[in-house]
């Protein structure tokens, strides 16, 4: 996955792929490639969300230790 990809860009592309599949505007010849790309984007988004969650939890813990 490209290093400059942002969560927002990945999510937008994932929405576009979902729309293509739902409206059947993607040809059978490229369907597997689009589904594979969607899988990659989902994995990327999940990783970003987990990393952000861990970072926020870490910040909260640091704040709690400073106030004690």
PDB file of N, CA and C in Angstrom:
ATOM      1  N   UNK A   1       0.860  -1.173   0.000  1.00  0.00           N
ATOM      2  CA  UNK A   1       0.000   0.000   0.000  1.00  0.00           C
ATOM      3  C   UNK A   1       0.899   1.226   0.000  1.00  0.00           C
ATOM      4  N   UNK A   2       0.519   2.216  -0.755  1.00  0.00           N
ATOM      5  CA  UNK A   2       1.348   3.409  -0.884  1.00  0.00           C
ATOM      6  C   UNK A   2       1.450   4.156   0.447  1.00  0.00           C
ATOM      7  N   UNK A   3       2.615   4.738   0.696  1.00  0.00           N
ATOM      8  CA  UNK A   3       2.869   5.370   1.991  1.00  0.00           C
ATOM      9  C   UNK A   3       2.174   6.717   2.132  1.00  0.00           C
ATOM     10  N   UNK A   4       1.815   7.367   1.050  1.00  0.00           N
ATOM     11  CA  UNK A   4       1.180   8.677   1.137  1.00  0.00           C
ATOM     12  C   UNK A   4      -0.341   8.589   1.267  1.00  0.00           C
ATOM     13  N   UNK A   5      -0.875   7.395   1.313  1.00  0.00           N
ATOM     14  CA  UNK A   5      -2.311   7.211   1.406  1.00  0.00           C
ATOM     15  C   UNK A   5      -2.800   7.651   2.785  1.00  0.00           C
ATOM     16  N   UNK A   6      -3.856   8.439   2.803  1.00  0.00           N
ATOM     17  CA  UNK A   6      -4.463   8.857   4.062  1.00  0.00           C
ATOM     18  C   UNK A   6      -5.707   8.030   4.317  1.00  0.00           C
ATOM     19  N   UNK A   7      -6.166   8.059   5.551  1.00  0.00           N
ATOM     20  CA  UNK A   7      -7.386   7.344   5.897  1.00  0.00           C
ATOM     21  C   UNK A   7      -8.547   7.866   5.060  1.00  0.00           C
ATOM     22  N   UNK A   8      -8.639   9.185   4.952  1.00  0.00           N
ATOM     23  CA  UNK A   8      -9.745   9.795   4.219  1.00  0.00           C
ATOM     24  C   UNK A   8      -9.744   9.383   2.750  1.00  0.00           C
ATOM     25  N   UNK A   9      -8.567   9.369   2.140  1.00  0.00           N
ATOM     26  CA  UNK A   9      -8.467   8.976   0.732  1.00  0.00           C
ATOM     27  C   UNK A   9      -8.816   7.496   0.555  1.00  0.00           C
ATOM     28  N   UNK A  10      -8.337   6.673   1.468  1.00  0.00           N
ATOM     29  CA  UNK A  10      -8.629   5.237   1.390  1.00  0.00           C
ATOM     30  C   UNK A  10     -10.115   4.988   1.557  1.00  0.00           C
ATOM     31  N   UNK A  11     -10.733   5.674   2.506  1.00  0.00           N
ATOM     32  CA  UNK A  11     -12.167   5.509   2.758  1.00  0.00           C
ATOM     33  C   UNK A  11     -12.985   5.969   1.554  1.00  0.00           C
ATOM     34  N   UNK A  12     -12.575   7.070   0.958  1.00  0.00           N
ATOM     35  CA  UNK A  12     -13.280   7.579  -0.227  1.00  0.00           C
ATOM     36  C   UNK A  12     -13.180   6.580  -1.385  1.00  0.00           C
ATOM     37  N   UNK A  13     -11.978   6.052  -1.606  1.00  0.00           N
ATOM     38  CA  UNK A  13     -11.802   5.071  -2.684  1.00  0.00           C
ATOM     39  C   UNK A  13     -12.616   3.814  -2.405  1.00  0.00           C
ATOM     40  N   UNK A  14     -12.659   3.411  -1.149  1.00  0.00           N
ATOM     41  CA  UNK A  14     -13.443   2.243  -0.766  1.00  0.00           C
ATOM     42  C   UNK A  14     -14.927   2.478  -1.033  1.00  0.00           C
ATOM     43  N   UNK A  15     -15.419   3.673  -0.748  1.00  0.00           N
ATOM     44  CA  UNK A  15     -16.810   4.002  -1.039  1.00  0.00           C
ATOM     45  C   UNK A  15     -17.089   3.952  -2.540  1.00  0.00           C
ATOM     46  N   UNK A  16     -16.138   4.436  -3.336  1.00  0.00           N
ATOM     47  CA  UNK A  16     -16.302   4.413  -4.791  1.00  0.00           C
ATOM     48  C   UNK A  16     -16.372   2.976  -5.313  1.00  0.00           C
ATOM     49  N   UNK A  17     -15.512   2.124  -4.787  1.00  0.00           N
ATOM     50  CA  UNK A  17     -15.518   0.721  -5.199  1.00  0.00           C
ATOM     51  C   UNK A  17     -16.846   0.074  -4.818  1.00  0.00           C
ATOM     52  N   UNK A  18     -17.306   0.335  -3.600  1.00  0.00           N
ATOM     53  CA  UNK A  18     -18.584  -0.225  -3.153  1.00  0.00           C
ATOM     54  C   UNK A  18     -19.721   0.242  -4.050  1.00  0.00           C
ATOM     55  N   UNK A  19     -19.702   1.512  -4.410  1.00  0.00           N
ATOM     56  CA  UNK A  19     -20.745   2.056  -5.286  1.00  0.00           C
ATOM     57  C   UNK A  19     -20.706   1.371  -6.646  1.00  0.00           C
ATOM     58  N   UNK A  20     -19.505   1.181  -7.189  1.00  0.00           N
ATOM     59  CA  UNK A  20     -19.362   0.509  -8.491  1.00  0.00           C
ATOM     60  C   UNK A  20     -19.944  -0.898  -8.440  1.00  0.00           C
ATOM     61  N   UNK A  21     -19.631  -1.611  -7.357  1.00  0.00           N
ATOM     62  CA  UNK A  21     -20.099  -2.994  -7.238  1.00  0.00           C
ATOM     63  C   UNK A  21     -21.607  -3.031  -7.031  1.00  0.00           C
ATOM     64  N   UNK A  22     -22.110  -2.144  -6.183  1.00  0.00           N
ATOM     65  CA  UNK A  22     -23.555  -2.124  -5.905  1.00  0.00           C
ATOM     66  C   UNK A  22     -24.372  -1.782  -7.148  1.00  0.00           C
ATOM     67  N   UNK A  23     -23.869  -0.870  -7.975  1.00  0.00           N
ATOM     68  CA  UNK A  23     -24.613  -0.464  -9.173  1.00  0.00           C
ATOM     69  C   UNK A  23     -24.263  -1.320 -10.379  1.00  0.00           C
ATOM     70  N   UNK A  24     -23.417  -2.300 -10.141  1.00  0.00           N
ATOM     71  CA  UNK A  24     -22.973  -3.218 -11.197  1.00  0.00           C
ATOM     72  C   UNK A  24     -22.336  -2.490 -12.368  1.00  0.00           C
ATOM     73  N   UNK A  25     -21.645  -1.367 -12.072  1.00  0.00           N
ATOM     74  CA  UNK A  25     -20.980  -0.619 -13.130  1.00  0.00           C
ATOM     75  C   UNK A  25     -19.539  -1.073 -13.355  1.00  0.00           C
ATOM     76  N   UNK A  26     -19.105  -2.057 -12.598  1.00  0.00           N
ATOM     77  CA  UNK A  26     -17.770  -2.619 -12.788  1.00  0.00           C
ATOM     78  C   UNK A  26     -17.914  -3.896 -13.610  1.00  0.00           C
ATOM     79  N   UNK A  27     -17.050  -4.021 -14.594  1.00  0.00           N
ATOM     80  CA  UNK A  27     -17.151  -5.195 -15.467  1.00  0.00           C
ATOM     81  C   UNK A  27     -16.638  -6.444 -14.748  1.00  0.00           C
ATOM     82  N   UNK A  28     -17.102  -7.564 -15.196  1.00  0.00           N
ATOM     83  CA  UNK A  28     -16.687  -8.843 -14.626  1.00  0.00           C
ATOM     84  C   UNK A  28     -15.178  -9.016 -14.758  1.00  0.00           C
ATOM     85  N   UNK A  29     -14.616  -8.476 -15.822  1.00  0.00           N
ATOM     86  CA  UNK A  29     -13.180  -8.612 -16.070  1.00  0.00           C
ATOM     87  C   UNK A  29     -12.329  -7.925 -15.006  1.00  0.00           C
ATOM     88  N   UNK A  30     -12.844  -6.885 -14.379  1.00  0.00           N
ATOM     89  CA  UNK A  30     -12.055  -6.159 -13.369  1.00  0.00           C
ATOM     90  C   UNK A  30     -12.613  -6.319 -11.958  1.00  0.00           C
ATOM     91  N   UNK A  31     -13.675  -7.074 -11.814  1.00  0.00           N
ATOM     92  CA  UNK A  31     -14.320  -7.234 -10.515  1.00  0.00           C
ATOM     93  C   UNK A  31     -13.363  -7.787  -9.462  1.00  0.00           C
ATOM     94  N   UNK A  32     -12.633  -8.827  -9.784  1.00  0.00           N
ATOM     95  CA  UNK A  32     -11.707  -9.429  -8.815  1.00  0.00           C
ATOM     96  C   UNK A  32     -10.646  -8.422  -8.373  1.00  0.00           C
ATOM     97  N   UNK A  33     -10.147  -7.631  -9.310  1.00  0.00           N
ATOM     98  CA  UNK A  33      -9.134  -6.626  -8.967  1.00  0.00           C
ATOM     99  C   UNK A  33      -9.714  -5.558  -8.044  1.00  0.00           C
ATOM    100  N   UNK A  34     -10.951  -5.157  -8.278  1.00  0.00           N
ATOM    101  CA  UNK A  34     -11.599  -4.136  -7.439  1.00  0.00           C
ATOM    102  C   UNK A  34     -11.868  -4.690  -6.034  1.00  0.00           C
ATOM    103  N   UNK A  35     -12.287  -5.947  -5.962  1.00  0.00           N
ATOM    104  CA  UNK A  35     -12.528  -6.564  -4.663  1.00  0.00           C
ATOM    105  C   UNK A  35     -11.212  -6.702  -3.898  1.00  0.00           C
ATOM    106  N   UNK A  36     -10.140  -7.060  -4.592  1.00  0.00           N
ATOM    107  CA  UNK A  36      -8.825  -7.162  -3.946  1.00  0.00           C
ATOM    108  C   UNK A  36      -8.387  -5.799  -3.419  1.00  0.00           C
ATOM    109  N   UNK A  37      -8.566  -4.757  -4.219  1.00  0.00           N
ATOM    110  CA  UNK A  37      -8.201  -3.399  -3.787  1.00  0.00           C
ATOM    111  C   UNK A  37      -9.045  -2.990  -2.581  1.00  0.00           C
ATOM    112  N   UNK A  38     -10.317  -3.318  -2.596  1.00  0.00           N
ATOM    113  CA  UNK A  38     -11.190  -3.005  -1.462  1.00  0.00           C
ATOM    114  C   UNK A  38     -10.676  -3.695  -0.198  1.00  0.00           C
ATOM    115  N   UNK A  39     -10.254  -4.929  -0.323  1.00  0.00           N
ATOM    116  CA  UNK A  39      -9.711  -5.670   0.813  1.00  0.00           C
ATOM    117  C   UNK A  39      -8.460  -4.979   1.361  1.00  0.00           C
ATOM    118  N   UNK A  40      -7.589  -4.523   0.473  1.00  0.00           N
ATOM    119  CA  UNK A  40      -6.376  -3.811   0.889  1.00  0.00           C
ATOM    120  C   UNK A  40      -6.738  -2.516   1.611  1.00  0.00           C
ATOM    121  N   UNK A  41      -7.718  -1.799   1.087  1.00  0.00           N
ATOM    122  CA  UNK A  41      -8.130  -0.535   1.695  1.00  0.00           C
ATOM    123  C   UNK A  41      -8.765  -0.761   3.064  1.00  0.00           C
ATOM    124  N   UNK A  42      -9.554  -1.807   3.196  1.00  0.00           N
ATOM    125  CA  UNK A  42     -10.161  -2.129   4.491  1.00  0.00           C
ATOM    126  C   UNK A  42      -9.076  -2.437   5.512  1.00  0.00           C
ATOM    127  N   UNK A  43      -8.097  -3.223   5.130  1.00  0.00           N
ATOM    128  CA  UNK A  43      -6.984  -3.551   6.023  1.00  0.00           C
ATOM    129  C   UNK A  43      -6.241  -2.291   6.435  1.00  0.00           C
ATOM    130  N   UNK A  44      -5.978  -1.403   5.480  1.00  0.00           N
ATOM    131  CA  UNK A  44      -5.297  -0.142   5.758  1.00  0.00           C
ATOM    132  C   UNK A  44      -6.101   0.704   6.747  1.00  0.00           C
ATOM    133  N   UNK A  45      -7.397   0.853   6.491  1.00  0.00           N
ATOM    134  CA  UNK A  45      -8.251   1.676   7.360  1.00  0.00           C
ATOM    135  C   UNK A  45      -8.323   1.089   8.767  1.00  0.00           C
ATOM    136  N   UNK A  46      -8.449  -0.213   8.880  1.00  0.00           N
ATOM    137  CA  UNK A  46      -8.493  -0.843  10.194  1.00  0.00           C
ATOM    138  C   UNK A  46      -7.196  -0.601  10.961  1.00  0.00           C
ATOM    139  N   UNK A  47      -6.072  -0.705  10.273  1.00  0.00           N
ATOM    140  CA  UNK A  47      -4.780  -0.473  10.925  1.00  0.00           C
ATOM    141  C   UNK A  47      -4.653   0.968  11.402  1.00  0.00           C
ATOM    142  N   UNK A  48      -5.093   1.914  10.569  1.00  0.00           N
ATOM    143  CA  UNK A  48      -5.037   3.332  10.953  1.00  0.00           C
ATOM    144  C   UNK A  48      -5.922   3.597  12.163  1.00  0.00           C
ATOM    145  N   UNK A  49      -7.111   3.014  12.177  1.00  0.00           N
ATOM    146  CA  UNK A  49      -8.013   3.206  13.305  1.00  0.00           C
ATOM    147  C   UNK A  49      -7.431   2.613  14.589  1.00  0.00           C
ATOM    148  N   UNK A  50      -6.838   1.430  14.487  1.00  0.00           N
ATOM    149  CA  UNK A  50      -6.224   0.807  15.671  1.00  0.00           C
ATOM    150  C   UNK A  50      -5.048   1.649  16.182  1.00  0.00           C
ATOM    151  N   UNK A  51      -4.234   2.141  15.267  1.00  0.00           N
ATOM    152  CA  UNK A  51      -3.082   2.962  15.656  1.00  0.00           C
ATOM    153  C   UNK A  51      -3.544   4.261  16.307  1.00  0.00           C
ATOM    154  N   UNK A  52      -4.562   4.864  15.761  1.00  0.00           N
ATOM    155  CA  UNK A  52      -5.091   6.103  16.326  1.00  0.00           C
ATOM    156  C   UNK A  52      -5.696   5.848  17.704  1.00  0.00           C
ATOM    157  N   UNK A  53      -6.424   4.757  17.838  1.00  0.00           N
ATOM    158  CA  UNK A  53      -7.010   4.413  19.128  1.00  0.00           C
ATOM    159  C   UNK A  53      -5.924   4.226  20.185  1.00  0.00           C
ATOM    160  N   UNK A  54      -4.853   3.514  19.826  1.00  0.00           N
ATOM    161  CA  UNK A  54      -3.750   3.286  20.762  1.00  0.00           C
ATOM    162  C   UNK A  54      -3.076   4.607  21.130  1.00  0.00           C
ATOM    163  N   UNK A  55      -2.896   5.471  20.171  1.00  0.00           N
ATOM    164  CA  UNK A  55      -2.266   6.766  20.431  1.00  0.00           C
ATOM    165  C   UNK A  55      -3.136   7.618  21.364  1.00  0.00           C
ATOM    166  N   UNK A  56      -4.431   7.641  21.123  1.00  0.00           N
ATOM    167  CA  UNK A  56      -5.347   8.407  21.981  1.00  0.00           C
ATOM    168  C   UNK A  56      -5.342   7.835  23.396  1.00  0.00           C
ATOM    169  N   UNK A  57      -5.380   6.517  23.526  1.00  0.00           N
ATOM    170  CA  UNK A  57      -5.337   5.893  24.848  1.00  0.00           C
ATOM    171  C   UNK A  57      -4.053   6.251  25.575  1.00  0.00           C
ATOM    172  N   UNK A  58      -2.939   6.273  24.847  1.00  0.00           N
ATOM    173  CA  UNK A  58      -1.652   6.631  25.427  1.00  0.00           C
ATOM    174  C   UNK A  58      -1.668   8.077  25.917  1.00  0.00           C
ATOM    175  N   UNK A  59      -2.218   8.965  25.132  1.00  0.00           N
ATOM    176  CA  UNK A  59      -2.302  10.373  25.513  1.00  0.00           C
ATOM    177  C   UNK A  59      -3.166  10.537  26.758  1.00  0.00           C
ATOM    178  N   UNK A  60      -4.290   9.840  26.793  1.00  0.00           N
ATOM    179  CA  UNK A  60      -5.180   9.921  27.961  1.00  0.00           C
ATOM    180  C   UNK A  60      -4.474   9.414  29.212  1.00  0.00           C
ATOM    181  N   UNK A  61      -3.752   8.306  29.086  1.00  0.00           N
ATOM    182  CA  UNK A  61      -3.013   7.766  30.225  1.00  0.00           C
ATOM    183  C   UNK A  61      -1.960   8.760  30.706  1.00  0.00           C
ATOM    184  N   UNK A  62      -1.263   9.397  29.777  1.00  0.00           N
ATOM    185  CA  UNK A  62      -0.257  10.394  30.159  1.00  0.00           C
ATOM    186  C   UNK A  62      -0.910  11.560  30.879  1.00  0.00           C
ATOM    187  N   UNK A  63      -2.068  11.983  30.409  1.00  0.00           N
ATOM    188  CA  UNK A  63      -2.775  13.094  31.049  1.00  0.00           C
ATOM    189  C   UNK A  63      -3.224  12.709  32.460  1.00  0.00           C
ATOM    190  N   UNK A  64      -3.689  11.471  32.620  1.00  0.00           N
ATOM    191  CA  UNK A  64      -4.134  11.014  33.925  1.00  0.00           C
ATOM    192  C   UNK A  64      -2.974  10.963  34.905  1.00  0.00           C
ATOM    193  N   UNK A  65      -1.800  10.543  34.466  1.00  0.00           N
ATOM    194  CA  UNK A  65      -0.634  10.475  35.337  1.00  0.00           C
ATOM    195  C   UNK A  65      -0.124  11.859  35.721  1.00  0.00           C
ATOM    196  N   UNK A  66      -0.316  12.821  34.867  1.00  0.00           N
ATOM    197  CA  UNK A  66       0.116  14.192  35.165  1.00  0.00           C
ATOM    198  C   UNK A  66      -0.786  14.864  36.183  1.00  0.00           C
ATOM    199  N   UNK A  67      -2.046  14.456  36.217  1.00  0.00           N
ATOM    200  CA  UNK A  67      -2.986  15.102  37.130  1.00  0.00           C
ATOM    201  C   UNK A  67      -2.957  14.474  38.522  1.00  0.00           C
ATOM    202  N   UNK A  68      -2.294  13.352  38.671  1.00  0.00           N
ATOM    203  CA  UNK A  68      -2.240  12.674  39.983  1.00  0.00           C
ATOM    204  C   UNK A  68      -1.156  13.272  40.836  1.00  0.00           C
TER     205      UNK A  68
END
